[in-house]
Amino acid sequence: MDKFVFERASFEALGLGKDKIDDIFDSHSKKVGDAKQAAETERDELKKQLEEVQAKLKAFEGVDVTQLNGEIEKLKDDLKTKDADYQAKIADRDFSDTLTAALHLAKVKSAKAASALLDVETLKASKNQKADIDAAIAALKESDAYIFDVGGEEGALHGAKPGESADPSSGEAITPLGKTQAKLNSHRLIK
């Protein structure tokens, strides 16, 4: 599969209509804006924490060097932990966006239901997430096709219609009890 580029022409090549493409881009723009706002907020929090740490370091000037070195190492470890947590959140967001877009392109009826049927943790740990997500969705289409919109008439009922005979070639009407009118007539007493 060629590399998918998130642009209008790519979606048009997939045969999606203008309204569907607009919906995808609106949804994506909202998620990107929300993610950007969250990232900026977290960046500002990290800057504030860094300033607090720097202020604490200045307070330790002239203090026992070994004690100070221990405190510095602790603060550095805290910053590394917070940075690792931040990077993990970004990776989770990127994975979630990739999975959501792939499910949307696969025309899944419910992304939440489809995600529950996928081994999300294995997909997150994958080195080639996009290809593995596509493969997992293809396997899901084979095993659980009912959660995908395959076109056709949604909600259409098939079978006998009210007022029609169960055997249209017989020409006999069916009564609510399931007996033909001819059988009922044969059992009536003739006066």
N, C-alpha and C. Protein backbone atom coordinates (compact mmCIF):
# COMPACT_ATOMS: atom_id res chain seq x y z
N MET A 1 0.85 -1.18 0.00
CA MET A 1 0.00 0.00 0.00
C MET A 1 0.89 1.23 0.00
N ASP A 2 0.61 2.17 -0.86
CA ASP A 2 1.37 3.41 -0.92
C ASP A 2 1.13 4.21 0.35
N LYS A 3 2.07 5.08 0.61
CA LYS A 3 1.94 5.93 1.78
C LYS A 3 0.74 6.87 1.59
N PHE A 4 -0.12 6.93 2.59
CA PHE A 4 -1.32 7.76 2.52
C PHE A 4 -0.97 9.17 2.96
N VAL A 5 -1.31 10.16 2.13
CA VAL A 5 -1.07 11.56 2.44
C VAL A 5 -2.42 12.17 2.82
N PHE A 6 -2.44 12.84 3.96
CA PHE A 6 -3.69 13.40 4.48
C PHE A 6 -3.98 14.71 3.76
N GLU A 7 -4.52 14.60 2.56
CA GLU A 7 -4.92 15.77 1.80
C GLU A 7 -6.16 15.43 0.99
N ARG A 8 -6.87 16.45 0.55
CA ARG A 8 -8.15 16.29 -0.14
C ARG A 8 -8.05 15.33 -1.33
N ALA A 9 -7.00 15.44 -2.14
CA ALA A 9 -6.86 14.60 -3.33
C ALA A 9 -6.79 13.12 -2.96
N SER A 10 -6.15 12.80 -1.85
CA SER A 10 -6.05 11.40 -1.42
C SER A 10 -7.43 10.83 -1.11
N PHE A 11 -8.27 11.63 -0.47
CA PHE A 11 -9.60 11.16 -0.12
C PHE A 11 -10.48 11.07 -1.37
N GLU A 12 -10.30 12.02 -2.29
CA GLU A 12 -11.06 11.97 -3.54
C GLU A 12 -10.69 10.72 -4.33
N ALA A 13 -9.39 10.34 -4.28
CA ALA A 13 -8.94 9.13 -4.97
C ALA A 13 -9.58 7.88 -4.37
N LEU A 14 -9.96 7.96 -3.11
CA LEU A 14 -10.63 6.82 -2.46
C LEU A 14 -12.11 6.78 -2.80
N GLY A 15 -12.59 7.78 -3.51
CA GLY A 15 -13.99 7.79 -3.94
C GLY A 15 -14.93 8.42 -2.93
N LEU A 16 -14.39 9.15 -1.96
CA LEU A 16 -15.26 9.79 -0.97
C LEU A 16 -15.83 11.08 -1.55
N GLY A 17 -17.06 11.39 -1.18
CA GLY A 17 -17.73 12.59 -1.64
C GLY A 17 -17.24 13.83 -0.91
N LYS A 18 -17.57 15.00 -1.45
CA LYS A 18 -17.13 16.26 -0.88
C LYS A 18 -17.60 16.42 0.56
N ASP A 19 -18.84 16.07 0.86
CA ASP A 19 -19.36 16.22 2.23
C ASP A 19 -18.60 15.34 3.21
N LYS A 20 -18.32 14.12 2.81
CA LYS A 20 -17.60 13.18 3.68
C LYS A 20 -16.18 13.70 3.92
N ILE A 21 -15.54 14.19 2.84
CA ILE A 21 -14.18 14.72 2.97
C ILE A 21 -14.18 15.95 3.88
N ASP A 22 -15.18 16.83 3.70
CA ASP A 22 -15.29 18.00 4.56
C ASP A 22 -15.45 17.59 6.02
N ASP A 23 -16.26 16.55 6.28
CA ASP A 23 -16.44 16.06 7.65
C ASP A 23 -15.11 15.56 8.22
N ILE A 24 -14.35 14.83 7.41
CA ILE A 24 -13.05 14.30 7.87
C ILE A 24 -12.12 15.45 8.22
N PHE A 25 -12.04 16.44 7.33
CA PHE A 25 -11.13 17.55 7.57
C PHE A 25 -11.60 18.40 8.76
N ASP A 26 -12.91 18.59 8.92
CA ASP A 26 -13.41 19.34 10.08
C ASP A 26 -13.06 18.63 11.37
N SER A 27 -13.28 17.33 11.38
CA SER A 27 -12.98 16.53 12.57
C SER A 27 -11.47 16.57 12.86
N HIS A 28 -10.68 16.41 11.82
CA HIS A 28 -9.23 16.41 12.00
C HIS A 28 -8.74 17.79 12.49
N SER A 29 -9.28 18.86 11.91
CA SER A 29 -8.87 20.21 12.31
C SER A 29 -9.20 20.47 13.77
N LYS A 30 -10.37 20.01 14.20
CA LYS A 30 -10.76 20.19 15.60
C LYS A 30 -9.81 19.43 16.51
N LYS A 31 -9.49 18.19 16.14
CA LYS A 31 -8.58 17.39 16.97
C LYS A 31 -7.19 18.01 17.01
N VAL A 32 -6.71 18.49 15.86
CA VAL A 32 -5.38 19.11 15.83
C VAL A 32 -5.38 20.37 16.68
N GLY A 33 -6.45 21.19 16.56
CA GLY A 33 -6.54 22.40 17.38
C GLY A 33 -6.57 22.08 18.87
N ASP A 34 -7.36 21.07 19.23
CA ASP A 34 -7.43 20.65 20.64
C ASP A 34 -6.08 20.14 21.12
N ALA A 35 -5.42 19.34 20.28
CA ALA A 35 -4.12 18.78 20.65
C ALA A 35 -3.08 19.90 20.78
N LYS A 36 -3.13 20.86 19.87
CA LYS A 36 -2.19 21.99 19.93
C LYS A 36 -2.40 22.78 21.21
N GLN A 37 -3.67 23.04 21.55
CA GLN A 37 -3.97 23.78 22.77
C GLN A 37 -3.48 23.01 24.00
N ALA A 38 -3.71 21.70 24.00
CA ALA A 38 -3.26 20.88 25.13
C ALA A 38 -1.74 20.89 25.22
N ALA A 39 -1.07 20.79 24.06
CA ALA A 39 0.40 20.78 24.06
C ALA A 39 0.94 22.13 24.54
N GLU A 40 0.33 23.24 24.13
CA GLU A 40 0.77 24.55 24.57
C GLU A 40 0.56 24.73 26.07
N THR A 41 -0.56 24.24 26.56
CA THR A 41 -0.84 24.32 27.99
C THR A 41 0.19 23.53 28.78
N GLU A 42 0.48 22.33 28.30
CA GLU A 42 1.46 21.49 28.99
C GLU A 42 2.86 22.11 28.90
N ARG A 43 3.20 22.69 27.74
CA ARG A 43 4.49 23.36 27.57
C ARG A 43 4.61 24.50 28.59
N ASP A 44 3.54 25.27 28.74
CA ASP A 44 3.57 26.38 29.68
C ASP A 44 3.74 25.88 31.11
N GLU A 45 3.08 24.76 31.42
CA GLU A 45 3.24 24.17 32.75
C GLU A 45 4.68 23.72 32.98
N LEU A 46 5.28 23.12 31.95
CA LEU A 46 6.67 22.66 32.08
C LEU A 46 7.62 23.86 32.24
N LYS A 47 7.36 24.95 31.51
CA LYS A 47 8.19 26.15 31.66
C LYS A 47 8.09 26.68 33.09
N LYS A 48 6.86 26.68 33.61
CA LYS A 48 6.65 27.17 34.98
C LYS A 48 7.39 26.28 35.97
N GLN A 49 7.31 24.97 35.75
CA GLN A 49 8.03 24.04 36.64
C GLN A 49 9.53 24.25 36.55
N LEU A 50 10.03 24.50 35.33
CA LEU A 50 11.46 24.74 35.15
C LEU A 50 11.88 26.00 35.90
N GLU A 51 11.07 27.04 35.81
CA GLU A 51 11.39 28.28 36.52
C GLU A 51 11.40 28.04 38.03
N GLU A 52 10.46 27.23 38.51
CA GLU A 52 10.42 26.90 39.94
C GLU A 52 11.68 26.15 40.36
N VAL A 53 12.10 25.22 39.52
CA VAL A 53 13.31 24.44 39.83
C VAL A 53 14.53 25.36 39.84
N GLN A 54 14.60 26.25 38.85
CA GLN A 54 15.74 27.17 38.81
C GLN A 54 15.76 28.07 40.05
N ALA A 55 14.58 28.49 40.49
CA ALA A 55 14.51 29.32 41.70
C ALA A 55 14.97 28.52 42.93
N LYS A 56 14.59 27.25 42.97
CA LYS A 56 15.03 26.40 44.09
C LYS A 56 16.54 26.22 44.07
N LEU A 57 17.10 26.07 42.86
CA LEU A 57 18.55 25.90 42.77
C LEU A 57 19.28 27.14 43.27
N LYS A 58 18.77 28.33 42.97
CA LYS A 58 19.40 29.56 43.44
C LYS A 58 19.35 29.64 44.97
N ALA A 59 18.30 29.10 45.54
CA ALA A 59 18.16 29.13 47.00
C ALA A 59 19.21 28.27 47.69
N PHE A 60 19.78 27.32 46.93
CA PHE A 60 20.75 26.40 47.53
C PHE A 60 22.19 26.90 47.39
N GLU A 61 22.39 28.06 46.85
CA GLU A 61 23.75 28.57 46.73
C GLU A 61 24.34 28.77 48.12
N GLY A 62 25.56 28.31 48.27
CA GLY A 62 26.24 28.43 49.55
C GLY A 62 25.88 27.31 50.51
N VAL A 63 25.15 26.32 50.06
CA VAL A 63 24.74 25.21 50.90
C VAL A 63 25.72 24.06 50.67
N ASP A 64 25.69 23.07 51.52
CA ASP A 64 26.55 21.90 51.41
C ASP A 64 26.46 21.32 49.99
N VAL A 65 27.61 21.17 49.35
CA VAL A 65 27.66 20.76 47.96
C VAL A 65 27.10 19.34 47.76
N THR A 66 27.40 18.42 48.62
CA THR A 66 26.90 17.05 48.43
C THR A 66 25.39 17.01 48.57
N GLN A 67 24.88 17.76 49.52
CA GLN A 67 23.42 17.82 49.67
C GLN A 67 22.81 18.48 48.44
N LEU A 68 23.43 19.54 47.97
CA LEU A 68 22.95 20.24 46.79
C LEU A 68 22.98 19.35 45.56
N ASN A 69 24.06 18.61 45.39
CA ASN A 69 24.16 17.69 44.24
C ASN A 69 23.06 16.63 44.29
N GLY A 70 22.76 16.15 45.45
CA GLY A 70 21.68 15.16 45.59
C GLY A 70 20.33 15.77 45.20
N GLU A 71 20.10 17.00 45.63
CA GLU A 71 18.85 17.68 45.30
C GLU A 71 18.77 17.97 43.79
N ILE A 72 19.90 18.36 43.21
CA ILE A 72 19.94 18.64 41.77
C ILE A 72 19.63 17.37 40.98
N GLU A 73 20.23 16.29 41.35
CA GLU A 73 19.98 15.02 40.66
C GLU A 73 18.52 14.59 40.78
N LYS A 74 17.95 14.81 41.95
CA LYS A 74 16.54 14.48 42.14
C LYS A 74 15.67 15.33 41.22
N LEU A 75 15.95 16.62 41.16
CA LEU A 75 15.18 17.52 40.31
C LEU A 75 15.36 17.17 38.83
N LYS A 76 16.56 16.82 38.43
CA LYS A 76 16.80 16.41 37.05
C LYS A 76 16.01 15.14 36.71
N ASP A 77 16.00 14.22 37.65
CA ASP A 77 15.23 12.98 37.42
C ASP A 77 13.74 13.28 37.31
N ASP A 78 13.27 14.20 38.15
CA ASP A 78 11.85 14.59 38.07
C ASP A 78 11.52 15.20 36.70
N LEU A 79 12.40 16.04 36.20
CA LEU A 79 12.18 16.65 34.88
C LEU A 79 12.21 15.59 33.77
N LYS A 80 13.14 14.64 33.88
CA LYS A 80 13.20 13.56 32.88
C LYS A 80 11.92 12.73 32.90
N THR A 81 11.42 12.47 34.09
CA THR A 81 10.18 11.69 34.22
C THR A 81 9.01 12.45 33.60
N LYS A 82 8.92 13.72 33.88
CA LYS A 82 7.84 14.53 33.33
C LYS A 82 7.96 14.63 31.81
N ASP A 83 9.17 14.76 31.31
CA ASP A 83 9.37 14.82 29.86
C ASP A 83 8.98 13.49 29.20
N ALA A 84 9.34 12.39 29.83
CA ALA A 84 8.98 11.06 29.30
C ALA A 84 7.45 10.89 29.30
N ASP A 85 6.79 11.36 30.36
CA ASP A 85 5.33 11.30 30.41
C ASP A 85 4.70 12.13 29.29
N TYR A 86 5.27 13.29 29.05
CA TYR A 86 4.77 14.18 28.00
C TYR A 86 4.94 13.51 26.63
N GLN A 87 6.09 12.92 26.38
CA GLN A 87 6.34 12.23 25.11
C GLN A 87 5.39 11.04 24.94
N ALA A 88 5.10 10.34 26.02
CA ALA A 88 4.16 9.21 25.96
C ALA A 88 2.76 9.69 25.61
N LYS A 89 2.36 10.84 26.18
CA LYS A 89 1.04 11.40 25.86
C LYS A 89 0.96 11.78 24.38
N ILE A 90 2.02 12.36 23.86
CA ILE A 90 2.04 12.73 22.44
C ILE A 90 1.94 11.49 21.58
N ALA A 91 2.69 10.45 21.93
CA ALA A 91 2.65 9.19 21.15
C ALA A 91 1.26 8.57 21.21
N ASP A 92 0.62 8.61 22.37
CA ASP A 92 -0.74 8.08 22.49
C ASP A 92 -1.72 8.87 21.63
N ARG A 93 -1.59 10.18 21.62
CA ARG A 93 -2.46 11.02 20.81
C ARG A 93 -2.26 10.74 19.32
N ASP A 94 -1.01 10.61 18.90
CA ASP A 94 -0.71 10.33 17.49
C ASP A 94 -1.27 8.97 17.09
N PHE A 95 -1.11 7.97 17.96
CA PHE A 95 -1.65 6.64 17.67
C PHE A 95 -3.17 6.70 17.56
N SER A 96 -3.79 7.39 18.50
CA SER A 96 -5.25 7.50 18.50
C SER A 96 -5.74 8.16 17.22
N ASP A 97 -5.07 9.22 16.80
CA ASP A 97 -5.46 9.90 15.55
C ASP A 97 -5.30 8.97 14.35
N THR A 98 -4.21 8.22 14.30
CA THR A 98 -3.97 7.30 13.19
C THR A 98 -5.04 6.22 13.17
N LEU A 99 -5.35 5.65 14.32
CA LEU A 99 -6.36 4.60 14.41
C LEU A 99 -7.74 5.14 14.02
N THR A 100 -8.09 6.31 14.53
CA THR A 100 -9.40 6.90 14.22
C THR A 100 -9.54 7.17 12.73
N ALA A 101 -8.50 7.72 12.11
CA ALA A 101 -8.55 8.01 10.67
C ALA A 101 -8.68 6.72 9.87
N ALA A 102 -7.93 5.68 10.26
CA ALA A 102 -7.99 4.41 9.53
C ALA A 102 -9.37 3.77 9.68
N LEU A 103 -9.95 3.83 10.86
CA LEU A 103 -11.29 3.27 11.06
C LEU A 103 -12.32 4.06 10.26
N HIS A 104 -12.15 5.36 10.22
CA HIS A 104 -13.08 6.21 9.46
C HIS A 104 -13.01 5.88 7.97
N LEU A 105 -11.79 5.72 7.47
CA LEU A 105 -11.61 5.38 6.06
C LEU A 105 -12.15 3.99 5.73
N ALA A 106 -12.13 3.10 6.71
CA ALA A 106 -12.64 1.74 6.51
C ALA A 106 -14.16 1.70 6.63
N LYS A 107 -14.78 2.85 6.89
CA LYS A 107 -16.24 2.98 6.99
C LYS A 107 -16.82 2.12 8.11
N VAL A 108 -16.17 2.19 9.27
CA VAL A 108 -16.67 1.46 10.42
C VAL A 108 -17.88 2.20 10.98
N LYS A 109 -18.88 1.46 11.41
CA LYS A 109 -20.09 2.08 11.96
C LYS A 109 -19.83 2.71 13.32
N SER A 110 -19.02 2.04 14.14
CA SER A 110 -18.72 2.55 15.48
C SER A 110 -17.24 2.34 15.76
N ALA A 111 -16.50 3.44 15.81
CA ALA A 111 -15.06 3.36 16.07
C ALA A 111 -14.80 2.77 17.45
N LYS A 112 -15.65 3.07 18.41
CA LYS A 112 -15.48 2.55 19.77
C LYS A 112 -15.64 1.02 19.78
N ALA A 113 -16.64 0.51 19.08
CA ALA A 113 -16.85 -0.94 19.02
C ALA A 113 -15.71 -1.61 18.28
N ALA A 114 -15.26 -1.01 17.19
CA ALA A 114 -14.17 -1.60 16.42
C ALA A 114 -12.88 -1.60 17.25
N SER A 115 -12.62 -0.52 17.96
CA SER A 115 -11.41 -0.44 18.78
C SER A 115 -11.41 -1.51 19.87
N ALA A 116 -12.58 -1.80 20.41
CA ALA A 116 -12.68 -2.82 21.45
C ALA A 116 -12.33 -4.20 20.91
N LEU A 117 -12.52 -4.43 19.63
CA LEU A 117 -12.23 -5.72 19.03
C LEU A 117 -10.78 -5.83 18.55
N LEU A 118 -10.06 -4.72 18.54
CA LEU A 118 -8.66 -4.73 18.11
C LEU A 118 -7.74 -4.86 19.32
N ASP A 119 -6.54 -5.42 19.10
CA ASP A 119 -5.54 -5.51 20.15
C ASP A 119 -4.76 -4.19 20.14
N VAL A 120 -5.33 -3.18 20.77
CA VAL A 120 -4.80 -1.82 20.71
C VAL A 120 -3.40 -1.73 21.31
N GLU A 121 -3.13 -2.43 22.39
CA GLU A 121 -1.81 -2.36 23.02
C GLU A 121 -0.72 -2.89 22.10
N THR A 122 -1.01 -3.98 21.38
CA THR A 122 -0.04 -4.53 20.43
C THR A 122 0.17 -3.55 19.28
N LEU A 123 -0.90 -2.94 18.81
CA LEU A 123 -0.78 -1.97 17.73
C LEU A 123 0.02 -0.74 18.17
N LYS A 124 -0.17 -0.31 19.42
CA LYS A 124 0.58 0.84 19.93
C LYS A 124 2.08 0.53 19.97
N ALA A 125 2.41 -0.70 20.34
CA ALA A 125 3.81 -1.09 20.49
C ALA A 125 4.48 -1.38 19.14
N SER A 126 3.70 -1.44 18.09
CA SER A 126 4.21 -1.77 16.76
C SER A 126 5.18 -0.72 16.25
N LYS A 127 6.20 -1.16 15.52
CA LYS A 127 7.16 -0.24 14.90
C LYS A 127 6.56 0.40 13.65
N ASN A 128 5.66 -0.32 12.98
CA ASN A 128 5.02 0.18 11.76
C ASN A 128 3.51 0.24 12.01
N GLN A 129 3.10 1.20 12.80
CA GLN A 129 1.72 1.28 13.26
C GLN A 129 0.71 1.37 12.12
N LYS A 130 0.96 2.20 11.14
CA LYS A 130 0.00 2.41 10.05
C LYS A 130 -0.28 1.10 9.32
N ALA A 131 0.77 0.38 8.92
CA ALA A 131 0.58 -0.88 8.19
C ALA A 131 -0.10 -1.92 9.08
N ASP A 132 0.30 -1.98 10.34
CA ASP A 132 -0.29 -2.98 11.24
C ASP A 132 -1.75 -2.64 11.56
N ILE A 133 -2.07 -1.37 11.66
CA ILE A 133 -3.47 -0.97 11.88
C ILE A 133 -4.30 -1.36 10.67
N ASP A 134 -3.79 -1.06 9.47
CA ASP A 134 -4.51 -1.42 8.25
C ASP A 134 -4.73 -2.93 8.17
N ALA A 135 -3.71 -3.71 8.52
CA ALA A 135 -3.83 -5.17 8.49
C ALA A 135 -4.85 -5.65 9.53
N ALA A 136 -4.84 -5.06 10.71
CA ALA A 136 -5.77 -5.45 11.76
C ALA A 136 -7.21 -5.11 11.37
N ILE A 137 -7.40 -3.98 10.72
CA ILE A 137 -8.74 -3.59 10.27
C ILE A 137 -9.22 -4.52 9.16
N ALA A 138 -8.31 -4.90 8.27
CA ALA A 138 -8.68 -5.85 7.20
C ALA A 138 -9.10 -7.19 7.80
N ALA A 139 -8.37 -7.65 8.80
CA ALA A 139 -8.73 -8.90 9.47
C ALA A 139 -10.07 -8.75 10.20
N LEU A 140 -10.30 -7.59 10.77
CA LEU A 140 -11.56 -7.33 11.47
C LEU A 140 -12.72 -7.31 10.48
N LYS A 141 -12.49 -6.79 9.29
CA LYS A 141 -13.54 -6.80 8.26
C LYS A 141 -13.92 -8.23 7.91
N GLU A 142 -12.94 -9.12 7.91
CA GLU A 142 -13.21 -10.53 7.59
C GLU A 142 -13.98 -11.21 8.73
N SER A 143 -13.57 -10.95 9.96
CA SER A 143 -14.16 -11.67 11.09
C SER A 143 -15.45 -11.03 11.61
N ASP A 144 -15.57 -9.72 11.51
CA ASP A 144 -16.71 -9.00 12.09
C ASP A 144 -17.23 -7.95 11.11
N ALA A 145 -17.62 -8.39 9.94
CA ALA A 145 -18.05 -7.48 8.87
C ALA A 145 -19.27 -6.64 9.26
N TYR A 146 -20.04 -7.10 10.23
CA TYR A 146 -21.27 -6.39 10.60
C TYR A 146 -21.02 -5.00 11.18
N ILE A 147 -19.80 -4.70 11.63
CA ILE A 147 -19.55 -3.37 12.19
C ILE A 147 -19.08 -2.37 11.15
N PHE A 148 -19.04 -2.80 9.88
CA PHE A 148 -18.63 -1.91 8.80
C PHE A 148 -19.81 -1.57 7.92
N ASP A 149 -19.83 -0.35 7.42
CA ASP A 149 -20.87 0.09 6.50
C ASP A 149 -20.46 -0.35 5.11
N VAL A 150 -21.17 -1.33 4.57
CA VAL A 150 -20.82 -1.88 3.26
C VAL A 150 -21.68 -1.27 2.16
N GLY A 151 -22.38 -0.22 2.44
CA GLY A 151 -23.26 0.40 1.44
C GLY A 151 -24.62 -0.25 1.54
N GLY A 152 -25.32 -0.38 0.45
CA GLY A 152 -26.63 -1.05 0.43
C GLY A 152 -27.67 -0.27 1.20
N GLU A 153 -28.80 -0.91 1.36
CA GLU A 153 -29.91 -0.26 2.05
C GLU A 153 -29.79 -0.53 3.54
N GLU A 154 -29.53 0.51 4.27
CA GLU A 154 -29.38 0.37 5.70
C GLU A 154 -30.75 0.23 6.34
N GLY A 155 -30.94 -0.81 7.11
CA GLY A 155 -32.19 -1.01 7.82
C GLY A 155 -33.30 -1.55 6.96
N ALA A 156 -33.01 -1.96 5.73
CA ALA A 156 -34.06 -2.47 4.85
C ALA A 156 -34.52 -3.85 5.33
N LEU A 157 -35.82 -4.06 5.33
CA LEU A 157 -36.38 -5.34 5.73
C LEU A 157 -36.66 -6.17 4.49
N HIS A 158 -36.43 -7.45 4.61
CA HIS A 158 -36.67 -8.36 3.50
C HIS A 158 -37.59 -9.47 3.97
N GLY A 159 -38.39 -9.98 3.08
CA GLY A 159 -39.29 -11.07 3.44
C GLY A 159 -40.71 -10.76 3.02
N ALA A 160 -41.66 -11.46 3.62
CA ALA A 160 -43.07 -11.27 3.26
C ALA A 160 -43.53 -9.88 3.64
N LYS A 161 -44.42 -9.33 2.84
CA LYS A 161 -44.96 -8.00 3.10
C LYS A 161 -46.41 -8.14 3.54
N PRO A 162 -46.86 -7.26 4.38
CA PRO A 162 -48.24 -7.33 4.85
C PRO A 162 -49.23 -7.33 3.68
N GLY A 163 -50.21 -8.22 3.76
CA GLY A 163 -51.25 -8.29 2.75
C GLY A 163 -50.89 -9.19 1.58
N GLU A 164 -49.69 -9.78 1.60
CA GLU A 164 -49.30 -10.66 0.50
C GLU A 164 -49.39 -12.10 0.97
N SER A 165 -49.61 -12.98 0.05
CA SER A 165 -49.66 -14.41 0.33
C SER A 165 -48.25 -14.91 0.56
N ALA A 166 -48.12 -15.93 1.38
CA ALA A 166 -46.81 -16.54 1.58
C ALA A 166 -46.35 -17.20 0.30
N ASP A 167 -47.30 -17.67 -0.51
CA ASP A 167 -46.98 -18.27 -1.80
C ASP A 167 -47.70 -17.44 -2.85
N PRO A 168 -47.02 -16.46 -3.44
CA PRO A 168 -47.68 -15.55 -4.37
C PRO A 168 -48.28 -16.27 -5.58
N SER A 169 -47.78 -17.42 -5.93
CA SER A 169 -48.31 -18.13 -7.10
C SER A 169 -49.63 -18.83 -6.80
N SER A 170 -49.97 -19.02 -5.51
CA SER A 170 -51.19 -19.75 -5.16
C SER A 170 -52.45 -18.89 -5.33
N GLY A 171 -52.31 -17.60 -5.17
CA GLY A 171 -53.45 -16.71 -5.29
C GLY A 171 -54.36 -16.76 -4.08
N GLU A 172 -54.00 -17.50 -3.06
CA GLU A 172 -54.82 -17.61 -1.86
C GLU A 172 -54.32 -16.65 -0.79
N ALA A 173 -55.23 -16.04 -0.08
CA ALA A 173 -54.86 -15.14 0.99
C ALA A 173 -54.58 -15.95 2.25
N ILE A 174 -53.68 -15.48 3.06
CA ILE A 174 -53.35 -16.14 4.32
C ILE A 174 -54.10 -15.41 5.43
N THR A 175 -54.75 -16.18 6.30
CA THR A 175 -55.46 -15.58 7.42
C THR A 175 -54.49 -15.39 8.57
N PRO A 176 -54.87 -14.64 9.57
CA PRO A 176 -53.97 -14.43 10.70
C PRO A 176 -53.59 -15.74 11.38
N LEU A 177 -54.38 -16.76 11.27
CA LEU A 177 -54.06 -18.03 11.92
C LEU A 177 -53.17 -18.89 11.04
N GLY A 178 -52.87 -18.45 9.83
CA GLY A 178 -51.98 -19.19 8.97
C GLY A 178 -52.68 -20.20 8.09
N LYS A 179 -54.01 -20.26 8.10
CA LYS A 179 -54.72 -21.22 7.26
C LYS A 179 -55.25 -20.49 6.05
N THR A 180 -55.28 -21.16 4.95
CA THR A 180 -55.79 -20.51 3.75
C THR A 180 -57.30 -20.38 3.83
N GLN A 181 -57.82 -19.42 3.13
CA GLN A 181 -59.26 -19.17 3.12
C GLN A 181 -59.99 -20.40 2.58
N ALA A 182 -59.41 -21.10 1.60
CA ALA A 182 -60.06 -22.28 1.01
C ALA A 182 -60.25 -23.37 2.06
N LYS A 183 -59.26 -23.59 2.91
CA LYS A 183 -59.38 -24.61 3.96
C LYS A 183 -60.46 -24.22 4.96
N LEU A 184 -60.54 -22.92 5.28
CA LEU A 184 -61.56 -22.47 6.19
C LEU A 184 -62.97 -22.70 5.61
N ASN A 185 -63.11 -22.40 4.33
CA ASN A 185 -64.41 -22.60 3.65
C ASN A 185 -64.82 -24.06 3.64
N SER A 186 -63.88 -24.98 3.53
CA SER A 186 -64.21 -26.40 3.45
C SER A 186 -64.69 -26.93 4.80
N HIS A 187 -64.37 -26.29 5.87
CA HIS A 187 -64.77 -26.72 7.19
C HIS A 187 -66.06 -26.08 7.67
N ARG A 188 -66.59 -25.14 6.97
CA ARG A 188 -67.82 -24.48 7.37
C ARG A 188 -69.01 -25.38 7.09
N LEU A 189 -69.97 -25.23 7.92
CA LEU A 189 -71.21 -26.01 7.70
C LEU A 189 -72.08 -25.27 6.69
N ILE A 190 -72.50 -25.97 5.72
CA ILE A 190 -73.36 -25.36 4.70
C ILE A 190 -74.79 -25.59 5.08
N LYS A 191 -75.66 -24.57 5.11
CA LYS A 191 -77.04 -24.69 5.49
C LYS A 191 -77.89 -24.91 4.31
